[in-house]
Protein backbone atom coordinates (compact mmCIF):
# COMPACT_ATOMS: atom_id res chain seq x y z
CA MET A 1 -19.71 1.33 40.77
CA GLN A 2 -18.39 4.02 38.38
CA GLU A 3 -19.80 3.73 34.83
CA LEU A 4 -21.61 0.46 35.61
CA SER A 5 -24.32 2.26 37.60
CA GLN A 6 -24.99 4.90 34.92
CA LYS A 7 -27.40 2.57 33.10
CA ARG A 8 -29.03 0.67 35.93
CA ALA A 9 -29.66 0.35 39.65
CA ILE A 10 -27.01 -1.70 41.46
CA CYS A 11 -29.51 -4.42 42.41
CA ALA A 12 -30.15 -4.93 38.66
CA MET A 13 -26.45 -5.72 38.02
CA PRO A 14 -26.03 -8.98 36.06
CA ILE A 15 -24.50 -11.83 38.08
CA ALA A 16 -23.19 -15.30 37.10
CA GLY A 17 -24.23 -15.22 33.46
CA SER A 18 -28.02 -15.35 33.75
CA TYR A 19 -29.04 -13.66 37.01
CA ARG A 20 -29.47 -10.19 38.48
CA SER A 21 -28.32 -9.20 41.96
CA ILE A 22 -31.90 -8.84 43.25
CA ASP A 23 -32.72 -12.43 42.24
CA PHE A 24 -30.85 -13.77 45.26
CA THR A 25 -32.88 -11.73 47.77
CA LEU A 26 -36.20 -12.47 46.04
CA SER A 27 -35.38 -16.19 45.83
CA ASN A 28 -34.54 -16.22 49.55
CA MET A 29 -37.92 -14.60 50.25
CA THR A 30 -39.94 -17.10 48.23
CA ASN A 31 -37.91 -20.03 49.62
CA SER A 32 -38.69 -18.72 53.14
CA HIS A 33 -42.43 -18.76 52.19
CA ILE A 34 -42.74 -14.98 52.40
CA GLN A 35 -45.73 -14.21 50.17
CA ARG A 36 -46.01 -10.41 50.24
CA VAL A 37 -42.94 -8.51 49.04
CA ALA A 38 -42.43 -4.82 48.24
CA VAL A 39 -39.43 -3.60 46.23
CA LEU A 40 -38.61 0.09 46.78
CA THR A 41 -36.93 1.45 43.66
CA GLN A 42 -35.67 4.89 42.76
CA TYR A 43 -32.31 5.37 41.00
CA ASN A 44 -32.16 4.30 37.32
CA ALA A 45 -34.98 1.81 37.84
CA LYS A 46 -35.88 1.12 34.18
CA SER A 47 -34.00 -2.19 33.75
CA LEU A 48 -34.96 -3.28 37.26
CA ASN A 49 -38.65 -2.60 36.60
CA GLU A 50 -38.46 -4.55 33.33
CA HIS A 51 -36.88 -7.46 35.20
CA LEU A 52 -39.64 -7.39 37.84
CA ASN A 53 -42.56 -6.93 35.43
CA SER A 54 -43.87 -10.42 36.22
CA SER A 55 -43.81 -11.96 39.68
CA LYS A 56 -44.31 -15.51 38.38
CA TRP A 57 -40.57 -16.21 38.12
CA TRP A 58 -40.27 -16.05 41.93
CA ASP A 59 -43.77 -17.49 42.54
CA PHE A 60 -45.20 -14.33 44.14
CA GLY A 61 -48.19 -14.21 41.81
CA ARG A 62 -50.64 -15.42 44.43
CA LYS A 63 -54.02 -14.11 45.46
CA GLN A 64 -52.98 -13.82 49.11
CA GLY A 65 -49.66 -12.09 48.45
CA GLY A 66 -47.78 -10.62 45.52
CA LEU A 67 -44.73 -8.65 44.40
CA PHE A 68 -45.22 -4.88 44.60
CA VAL A 69 -42.78 -2.46 42.93
CA LEU A 70 -43.09 0.88 44.74
CA THR A 71 -41.57 3.94 43.08
CA PRO A 72 -41.58 7.52 44.45
CA ALA A 73 -44.85 9.28 43.65
CA VAL A 74 -46.26 12.76 44.11
CA THR A 75 -49.15 12.69 46.60
CA ALA A 76 -51.23 15.27 48.46
CA GLU A 77 -48.92 14.87 51.49
CA ASN A 78 -45.56 14.51 49.78
CA SER A 79 -43.75 15.48 46.58
CA ASN A 80 -40.16 14.44 47.42
CA TRP A 81 -37.98 11.69 46.04
CA TYR A 82 -36.89 9.12 48.62
CA ARG A 83 -34.41 11.03 50.77
CA GLY A 84 -33.04 7.95 52.50
CA THR A 85 -33.89 4.35 53.39
CA ALA A 86 -36.18 5.29 56.30
CA ASP A 87 -37.92 7.93 54.16
CA ALA A 88 -38.53 5.34 51.41
CA ILE A 89 -40.39 3.18 53.94
CA TYR A 90 -42.25 6.20 55.33
CA GLN A 91 -43.51 7.23 51.87
CA ASN A 92 -44.96 3.73 51.45
CA MET A 93 -46.41 3.50 54.95
CA SER A 94 -49.86 2.63 53.59
CA PHE A 95 -48.41 -0.67 52.31
CA LEU A 96 -47.16 -1.54 55.81
CA LYS A 97 -50.37 -0.44 57.50
CA SER A 98 -52.59 -2.43 55.14
CA SER A 99 -50.54 -5.61 55.67
CA HIS A 100 -51.53 -8.11 58.35
CA GLU A 101 -48.23 -9.96 58.89
CA PRO A 102 -46.80 -9.46 62.42
CA TYR A 103 -43.12 -9.26 61.31
CA VAL A 104 -41.16 -7.49 58.58
CA VAL A 105 -37.92 -8.60 56.89
CA ILE A 106 -35.93 -5.72 55.38
CA ALA A 107 -33.18 -6.78 52.96
CA SER A 108 -30.94 -4.91 50.52
CA GLY A 109 -31.01 -5.99 46.87
CA ASP A 110 -27.24 -5.97 46.28
CA GLY A 111 -26.29 -9.06 48.30
CA VAL A 112 -25.39 -12.45 46.77
CA TYR A 113 -26.23 -15.13 49.34
CA LYS A 114 -28.65 -17.88 50.37
CA MET A 115 -30.61 -17.60 53.61
CA ASP A 116 -33.72 -18.97 55.29
CA TYR A 117 -35.26 -15.87 56.89
CA ASN A 118 -37.41 -18.14 59.09
CA LYS A 119 -34.29 -19.09 61.07
CA VAL A 120 -33.57 -15.39 61.70
CA LEU A 121 -37.20 -14.89 62.78
CA GLU A 122 -37.02 -17.87 65.20
CA TYR A 123 -33.82 -16.41 66.66
CA HIS A 124 -35.48 -12.96 66.89
CA ILE A 125 -38.45 -14.39 68.86
CA GLU A 126 -36.23 -16.59 71.06
CA LYS A 127 -34.10 -13.58 72.08
CA LYS A 128 -37.20 -11.39 72.61
CA ALA A 129 -35.40 -8.85 70.41
CA ASP A 130 -36.81 -5.58 69.14
CA ILE A 131 -34.54 -5.60 66.09
CA THR A 132 -32.35 -8.43 64.76
CA VAL A 133 -29.45 -7.58 62.44
CA VAL A 134 -27.91 -10.30 60.27
CA CYS A 135 -24.13 -9.96 60.48
CA ARG A 136 -21.02 -11.79 59.38
CA ASP A 137 -17.36 -12.05 60.36
CA MET A 138 -15.24 -10.96 57.40
CA GLU A 139 -11.94 -12.62 56.55
CA PRO A 140 -8.76 -11.06 57.98
CA GLY A 141 -7.33 -8.43 55.63
CA CYS A 142 -10.72 -7.60 54.10
CA SER A 143 -11.51 -3.87 54.05
CA VAL A 144 -14.59 -3.49 56.28
CA GLU A 145 -14.56 0.32 56.45
CA ARG A 146 -17.23 0.65 53.75
CA PHE A 147 -19.72 -1.46 55.73
CA GLY A 148 -21.54 -0.93 59.01
CA THR A 149 -19.46 -2.63 61.73
CA ILE A 150 -20.95 -4.27 64.83
CA ARG A 151 -19.62 -5.20 68.25
CA MET A 152 -21.71 -7.62 70.33
CA ASN A 153 -21.51 -9.01 73.86
CA GLU A 154 -21.52 -12.73 74.78
CA GLU A 155 -25.31 -12.89 74.42
CA SER A 156 -25.09 -11.45 70.86
CA ARG A 157 -26.69 -8.17 71.90
CA VAL A 158 -25.38 -5.27 69.80
CA GLU A 159 -23.37 -2.85 71.96
CA GLU A 160 -21.75 -0.79 69.24
CA PHE A 161 -22.79 -0.04 65.64
CA GLU A 162 -20.66 2.20 63.42
CA GLU A 163 -21.68 3.04 59.85
CA LYS A 164 -18.65 3.17 57.50
CA PRO A 165 -16.08 3.91 60.24
CA LEU A 166 -12.78 5.59 59.38
CA GLN A 167 -11.00 2.87 61.31
CA ALA A 168 -12.86 -0.34 62.07
CA LYS A 169 -12.54 -1.78 65.60
CA THR A 170 -14.06 -5.13 64.64
CA ASN A 171 -14.32 -7.29 61.52
CA THR A 172 -18.03 -8.13 62.10
CA ILE A 173 -20.19 -6.34 59.55
CA SER A 174 -23.91 -5.83 59.03
CA CYS A 175 -25.24 -7.64 55.94
CA GLY A 176 -28.10 -5.17 55.49
CA ILE A 177 -30.80 -7.68 56.55
CA TYR A 178 -33.11 -6.83 59.48
CA VAL A 179 -36.09 -8.44 61.20
CA LEU A 180 -38.51 -6.52 63.44
CA ARG A 181 -42.18 -6.29 64.39
CA ARG A 182 -44.36 -4.49 61.84
CA ARG A 183 -46.09 -2.26 64.42
CA GLN A 184 -42.76 -1.29 65.95
CA LEU A 185 -41.32 -0.46 62.52
CA ILE A 186 -44.30 1.80 61.78
CA GLU A 187 -43.85 3.56 65.14
CA MET A 188 -40.09 4.09 64.63
CA ILE A 189 -40.41 5.26 61.01
CA GLU A 190 -43.16 7.77 61.91
CA LYS A 191 -41.03 9.17 64.74
CA CYS A 192 -38.10 9.51 62.30
CA ALA A 193 -40.28 11.42 59.85
CA GLU A 194 -41.50 13.80 62.58
CA GLU A 195 -37.87 14.71 63.35
CA ASP A 196 -36.84 14.99 59.67
CA ARG A 197 -34.54 11.98 59.88
CA TYR A 198 -34.29 9.81 56.79
CA ASP A 199 -31.69 7.04 57.20
CA PHE A 200 -32.65 3.62 58.59
CA VAL A 201 -29.18 2.69 59.85
CA ARG A 202 -28.13 6.02 61.40
CA ASP A 203 -31.54 7.19 62.63
CA ILE A 204 -32.99 3.89 63.84
CA LEU A 205 -30.36 1.18 64.37
CA ILE A 206 -27.59 3.36 65.77
CA ARG A 207 -29.92 5.75 67.58
CA TYR A 208 -31.97 3.04 69.31
CA LYS A 209 -29.20 0.51 70.06
CA ASP A 210 -29.09 1.41 73.79
CA VAL A 211 -32.87 1.87 74.12
CA LYS A 212 -34.17 -1.17 72.21
CA ARG A 213 -33.05 -4.78 72.36
CA VAL A 214 -30.94 -5.05 69.19
CA TYR A 215 -29.39 -8.47 68.56
CA GLY A 216 -27.02 -9.82 65.91
CA TYR A 217 -27.61 -13.08 64.02
CA LYS A 218 -24.36 -14.41 62.56
CA MET A 219 -24.37 -16.08 59.18
CA LYS A 220 -21.42 -18.26 58.21
CA GLU A 221 -22.29 -19.19 54.61
CA TYR A 222 -21.25 -17.40 51.41
CA TRP A 223 -22.18 -13.71 51.30
CA ARG A 224 -21.01 -10.99 48.96
CA ASN A 225 -22.09 -7.41 48.39
CA VAL A 226 -21.75 -5.91 44.88
CA ALA A 227 -21.51 -2.22 45.80
CA SER A 228 -18.06 -1.61 44.24
CA VAL A 229 -16.43 -2.52 40.92
CA GLU A 230 -13.87 -4.81 42.59
CA ASP A 231 -16.57 -6.63 44.57
CA TYR A 232 -18.73 -7.00 41.49
CA PHE A 233 -15.83 -8.43 39.50
CA ASN A 234 -14.74 -10.80 42.30
CA THR A 235 -18.32 -12.01 42.92
CA ASN A 236 -18.69 -13.03 39.28
CA MET A 237 -15.25 -14.64 39.32
CA ASP A 238 -16.30 -16.65 42.40
CA PHE A 239 -18.89 -18.41 40.22
CA LEU A 240 -16.03 -19.92 38.22
CA LYS A 241 -15.21 -21.97 41.34
CA SER A 242 -17.00 -25.31 41.29
CA ASP A 243 -17.89 -25.22 45.02
CA VAL A 244 -19.64 -21.83 44.69
CA ARG A 245 -21.59 -22.98 41.61
CA GLN A 246 -22.51 -26.20 43.41
CA TYR A 247 -23.75 -24.24 46.45
CA PHE A 248 -25.96 -21.84 44.49
CA PHE A 249 -27.16 -23.92 41.55
CA LYS A 250 -27.08 -27.59 42.60
CA GLN A 251 -28.12 -27.45 46.26
CA TYR A 252 -31.64 -26.85 47.53
CA PRO A 253 -33.14 -24.25 47.75
CA ASP A 254 -32.84 -22.90 44.21
CA ILE A 255 -32.14 -19.38 42.92
CA TYR A 256 -34.76 -18.13 40.42
CA SER A 257 -34.65 -15.47 37.73
CA LYS A 258 -36.63 -14.12 34.80
CA VAL A 259 -36.18 -16.55 31.90
CA ASP A 260 -35.41 -15.30 28.37
CA ASP A 261 -36.29 -17.67 25.54
CA LEU A 262 -32.87 -17.77 23.89
CA PRO A 263 -31.10 -20.54 21.95
CA PRO A 264 -28.19 -22.34 23.65
CA ALA A 265 -24.68 -20.94 23.23
CA LYS A 266 -23.05 -21.79 19.89
CA TYR A 267 -19.36 -22.70 19.60
CA ASN A 268 -18.05 -22.37 16.03
CA PRO A 269 -14.82 -23.95 14.66
CA GLY A 270 -11.85 -22.14 16.23
CA ALA A 271 -13.61 -21.53 19.54
CA GLY A 272 -11.81 -22.54 22.74
CA VAL A 273 -13.40 -22.16 26.16
CA LYS A 274 -11.65 -22.88 29.47
CA ASN A 275 -13.06 -22.42 33.01
CA SER A 276 -15.73 -19.93 31.92
CA LEU A 277 -19.48 -19.34 32.14
CA ILE A 278 -21.09 -18.83 28.71
CA SER A 279 -24.77 -17.83 28.72
CA SER A 280 -27.56 -18.67 26.31
CA GLY A 281 -27.77 -16.74 23.04
CA CYS A 282 -23.97 -16.32 22.74
CA ILE A 283 -21.90 -17.11 19.64
CA ILE A 284 -18.24 -17.90 20.33
CA ASN A 285 -15.59 -17.92 17.59
CA GLY A 286 -12.49 -17.12 19.68
CA VAL A 287 -10.73 -18.16 22.91
CA VAL A 288 -12.37 -17.48 26.29
CA GLU A 289 -10.49 -18.23 29.54
CA ASN A 290 -11.53 -17.63 33.18
CA SER A 291 -14.34 -15.29 32.11
CA VAL A 292 -18.10 -14.78 32.44
CA VAL A 293 -19.94 -14.04 29.18
CA PHE A 294 -23.55 -12.87 29.59
CA LYS A 295 -26.52 -13.38 27.25
CA LYS A 296 -26.59 -12.62 23.51
CA SER A 297 -22.89 -11.73 23.21
CA TYR A 298 -20.86 -12.32 20.05
CA ILE A 299 -17.12 -13.02 20.16
CA GLY A 300 -15.39 -12.78 16.76
CA ASN A 301 -12.66 -14.84 15.07
CA ASN A 302 -9.19 -14.97 16.66
CA CYS A 303 -10.39 -13.05 19.75
CA VAL A 304 -8.82 -13.76 23.15
CA ILE A 305 -10.85 -12.98 26.29
CA LYS A 306 -9.08 -13.59 29.64
CA ASN A 307 -10.17 -12.92 33.26
CA SER A 308 -12.97 -10.66 32.07
CA ILE A 309 -16.71 -10.07 32.31
CA ILE A 310 -18.64 -9.48 29.08
CA LEU A 311 -22.11 -8.12 29.87
CA ASN A 312 -25.32 -8.66 27.84
CA ASP A 313 -25.55 -8.15 24.08
CA VAL A 314 -21.91 -7.16 23.39
CA TYR A 315 -20.39 -7.49 19.91
CA ILE A 316 -16.62 -8.09 19.91
CA GLY A 317 -14.95 -7.71 16.50
CA ASP A 318 -12.29 -10.07 15.11
CA ASN A 319 -8.70 -10.18 16.42
CA THR A 320 -9.57 -8.40 19.69
CA TYR A 321 -7.64 -9.00 22.92
CA ILE A 322 -9.36 -8.28 26.28
CA GLU A 323 -7.90 -9.04 29.72
CA ASN A 324 -8.89 -7.98 33.29
CA CYS A 325 -11.83 -5.94 32.01
CA ILE A 326 -15.58 -5.50 32.35
CA VAL A 327 -17.25 -4.74 29.00
CA GLU A 328 -20.50 -2.78 29.47
CA SER A 329 -23.69 -4.19 27.91
CA HIS A 330 -24.86 -3.31 24.37
CA GLY A 331 -21.31 -2.32 23.43
CA THR A 332 -19.56 -2.77 20.08
CA ILE A 333 -15.82 -3.45 20.28
CA ARG A 334 -14.14 -2.76 16.94
CA ALA A 335 -11.99 -5.38 15.28
CA ASN A 336 -8.25 -5.41 16.12
CA SER A 337 -8.82 -3.67 19.50
CA ARG A 338 -6.76 -4.34 22.62
CA TYR A 339 -7.90 -3.62 26.19
CA VAL A 340 -5.91 -4.74 29.23
CA GLY A 341 -6.68 -3.78 32.84
CA ASP A 342 -3.78 -2.96 35.15
CA GLU A 343 -2.55 -5.59 37.60
CA GLY A 344 -5.01 -5.72 40.49
CA LYS A 345 -7.28 -3.07 38.95
CA VAL A 346 -10.26 -3.84 36.74
CA ARG A 347 -10.80 -1.73 33.64
CA ILE A 348 -14.35 -0.85 32.51
CA ILE A 349 -14.88 -0.63 28.74
CA VAL A 350 -17.84 1.44 27.53
CA GLU A 351 -18.09 1.64 23.72
CA ARG A 352 -20.90 3.25 21.74
CA ASN A 353 -23.09 0.63 20.13
CA GLU A 354 -22.79 1.40 16.42
CA ARG A 355 -25.12 -1.48 15.50
CA TYR A 356 -28.13 0.52 16.77
CA THR A 357 -27.20 4.07 15.73
CA MET A 358 -28.54 5.82 12.66
């Protein structure tokens, strides 16, 4: 994610004007009537923790459940940071052991999708599976080498699982969503810890694929992962398509997010907006085309913004031209500037915010 991940965790990346990446996973959980959710955070977690400081937005603030944000902590037994995904679960084993639910859903926070996890659970029980992996067939020509690739037999049992292969043999990828029994997860994670193994995919999924019954559940709906700059840019651009907006924002179930009390966007004389998402709190004086402008951004007179993403609280001075770029949040773009990304390559603009410096 280059400079974009220097300020924040990837699952706190802004999406579609008013959302964060993690909102999609949390909304899927609450829409699936999952009441007890733990978020394991580590890298650059400040903005993510601020976003999750109240569970009411996703309706987890119940007496029988709740949203728990679990950060690495020094204890009598352990003083390490999370050394991998399996180690993160191991260091919070007391949360799993004190829960009473028979099944666990593990999901990454950087996916943009809608899913009813109950359907995956029904499939998991029907197949008598030990682990169920949600997977998806990617479109021809899509680079799948940065994902985990899966090969299944006719019964959907996983026969081969390769994490980030040099050369992919299949275009079916893992979406980073898993369902398994809580007691079995505890047993596997404890065995991993005994052997100083720390990665959930390599040390559990791949290692146990021939020993345990691992099945794949194929999803066919929209799914995107925002783990690279190009994917992040393309995911936001997808929301400029009416069918994608209709799917996420007009069809049940809904996607929820923390709500900021901001005034609606203001369009002054001289503003022209075409096929763009403009968020609340913005003031537009220039021309915006095929772009996503996030909250509290200001676009000056005679500015032209094309095919770009303007993140939160950006000030763009007069007579500025920006095309094929991502402007980092809290930036100040001086008047009469010009930034153009190369054809097929997105440019990231990070400018010091002179409005807040002494």
